[in-house]
Amino acid sequence: QVRMAESGGRSVQAGGPLHLSCGRTCSTYVVAWFRQTAGKEREFVAAITLSGGDPWYGNVAKGRFTIARDNAGNVYLQMNKLTPEDTADYFCAAGASFQSANPSQYMDFWGKGIPVTVSS
């Protein structure tokens, strides 16, 4: 049974860092992070393949966030220079493939999401 489990979400001060983790039990090819706030569409944050290669980053992440993986298949999101606009529920997801246009449609498995709150 596939299970995606996010951890690390909490409240932080603006300007600070936060490290999110995504544990999973499936051997899919791509793991990605998305985020969503109430009343807004889900945003793509970052994605990485489990076989290596360059990761992908959404506009919200470029220059501030880094996605990484370990040999066990866990995926991490290091977020720096956080602002209140980064406040959202963060989801990790996994899929067999990835396209930068509408990436969420390529994800087959989703975690329940974790809240991240950035205060000014």
Protein backbone atom coordinates (compact mmCIF):
# COMPACT_ATOMS: atom_id res chain seq x y z
CA GLN A 1 0.00 0.00 0.00
CA VAL A 2 1.36 3.38 -1.01
CA ARG A 3 1.68 5.98 1.72
CA MET A 4 3.09 9.47 1.53
CA ALA A 5 3.85 11.10 4.87
CA GLU A 6 4.91 14.71 5.29
CA SER A 7 6.60 16.02 8.42
CA GLY A 8 8.33 19.14 9.66
CA GLY A 9 5.55 21.69 9.26
CA ARG A 10 5.30 24.32 11.98
CA SER A 11 5.10 28.06 12.66
CA VAL A 12 8.23 30.11 11.96
CA GLN A 13 9.25 33.75 11.82
CA ALA A 14 9.66 35.51 8.50
CA GLY A 15 13.20 35.28 7.17
CA GLY A 16 13.84 31.96 8.82
CA PRO A 17 14.34 28.47 7.41
CA LEU A 18 12.22 25.34 7.58
CA HIS A 19 12.97 21.77 6.59
CA LEU A 20 10.18 19.51 5.40
CA SER A 21 10.43 15.76 4.93
CA CYS A 22 8.44 13.34 2.83
CA GLY A 23 8.63 9.66 3.65
CA ARG A 24 7.04 7.28 1.21
CA THR A 25 6.48 3.61 0.66
CA CYS A 26 6.25 3.47 -3.12
CA SER A 27 9.01 3.18 -5.66
CA THR A 28 7.72 5.82 -8.04
CA TYR A 29 9.97 7.78 -10.29
CA VAL A 30 9.15 11.36 -9.29
CA VAL A 31 8.39 12.94 -5.92
CA ALA A 32 7.15 16.50 -5.77
CA TRP A 33 6.09 19.17 -3.31
CA PHE A 34 3.00 21.31 -3.78
CA ARG A 35 1.32 23.88 -1.58
CA GLN A 36 -2.15 25.29 -1.24
CA THR A 37 -3.88 28.00 0.72
CA ALA A 38 -7.62 28.30 1.29
CA GLY A 39 -9.42 29.66 -1.73
CA LYS A 40 -6.43 29.37 -4.05
CA GLU A 41 -5.28 26.81 -6.57
CA ARG A 42 -2.60 24.33 -5.68
CA GLU A 43 0.91 25.59 -6.53
CA PHE A 44 3.81 23.49 -7.71
CA VAL A 45 6.88 23.96 -5.52
CA ALA A 46 9.55 21.47 -6.58
CA ALA A 47 10.08 17.95 -7.88
CA ILE A 48 12.90 15.47 -8.09
CA THR A 49 13.47 12.10 -9.70
CA LEU A 50 14.63 9.22 -7.58
CA SER A 51 17.20 8.15 -10.14
CA GLY A 52 19.13 11.43 -10.12
CA GLY A 53 19.16 14.32 -12.54
CA ASP A 54 18.30 17.95 -12.18
CA PRO A 55 15.25 18.84 -10.06
CA TRP A 56 12.43 21.12 -11.18
CA TYR A 57 11.36 24.24 -9.31
CA GLY A 58 8.23 26.31 -9.45
CA ASN A 59 8.42 30.08 -9.46
CA VAL A 60 7.60 30.19 -5.74
CA ALA A 61 10.72 28.18 -4.94
CA LYS A 62 13.44 29.47 -7.23
CA GLY A 63 16.40 30.86 -5.37
CA ARG A 64 15.00 30.05 -1.91
CA PHE A 65 14.00 26.39 -1.74
CA THR A 66 16.01 23.24 -2.39
CA ILE A 67 14.63 19.76 -2.95
CA ALA A 68 16.78 16.73 -2.24
CA ARG A 69 16.48 13.00 -1.77
CA ASP A 70 18.34 10.28 0.08
CA ASN A 71 19.16 6.73 -0.94
CA ALA A 72 16.16 5.39 0.96
CA GLY A 73 13.79 7.35 -1.27
CA ASN A 74 12.86 10.01 1.26
CA VAL A 75 12.56 13.51 -0.17
CA TYR A 76 13.26 16.77 1.61
CA LEU A 77 12.41 20.41 1.00
CA GLN A 78 14.72 23.00 2.52
CA MET A 79 13.01 26.37 2.57
CA ASN A 80 14.97 29.55 3.29
CA LYS A 81 14.08 33.23 3.54
CA LEU A 82 10.47 32.43 4.28
CA THR A 83 7.85 35.14 4.00
CA PRO A 84 4.22 35.24 5.18
CA GLU A 85 3.24 34.52 1.56
CA ASP A 86 4.75 31.04 2.02
CA THR A 87 2.07 30.21 4.57
CA ALA A 88 0.16 27.22 3.19
CA ASP A 89 -0.51 23.53 3.53
CA TYR A 90 2.38 21.66 1.93
CA PHE A 91 1.83 18.33 0.23
CA CYS A 92 4.23 15.75 -1.11
CA ALA A 93 3.14 13.63 -4.02
CA ALA A 94 4.55 10.90 -6.21
CA GLY A 95 4.06 9.85 -9.79
CA ALA A 96 5.54 7.83 -12.58
CA SER A 97 6.38 10.85 -14.72
CA PHE A 98 6.53 14.64 -14.68
CA GLN A 99 5.76 17.53 -16.97
CA SER A 100 6.32 21.13 -15.96
CA ALA A 101 2.98 22.14 -17.46
CA ASN A 102 0.25 21.21 -14.94
CA PRO A 103 2.52 18.88 -12.95
CA SER A 104 -0.13 17.85 -10.41
CA GLN A 105 -1.97 15.78 -13.02
CA TYR A 106 1.04 13.45 -13.24
CA MET A 107 1.00 12.65 -9.53
CA ASP A 108 -0.68 9.39 -8.54
CA PHE A 109 -0.23 9.43 -4.77
CA TRP A 110 -0.65 12.29 -2.31
CA GLY A 111 0.10 12.89 1.33
CA LYS A 112 -2.43 14.50 3.66
CA GLY A 113 -0.50 17.75 3.84
CA ILE A 114 1.09 19.66 6.68
CA PRO A 115 0.60 23.29 7.68
CA VAL A 116 3.38 25.83 7.46
CA THR A 117 2.76 29.24 9.00
CA VAL A 118 5.15 32.14 8.54
CA SER A 119 4.58 35.15 10.77
CA SER A 120 5.95 38.61 10.22
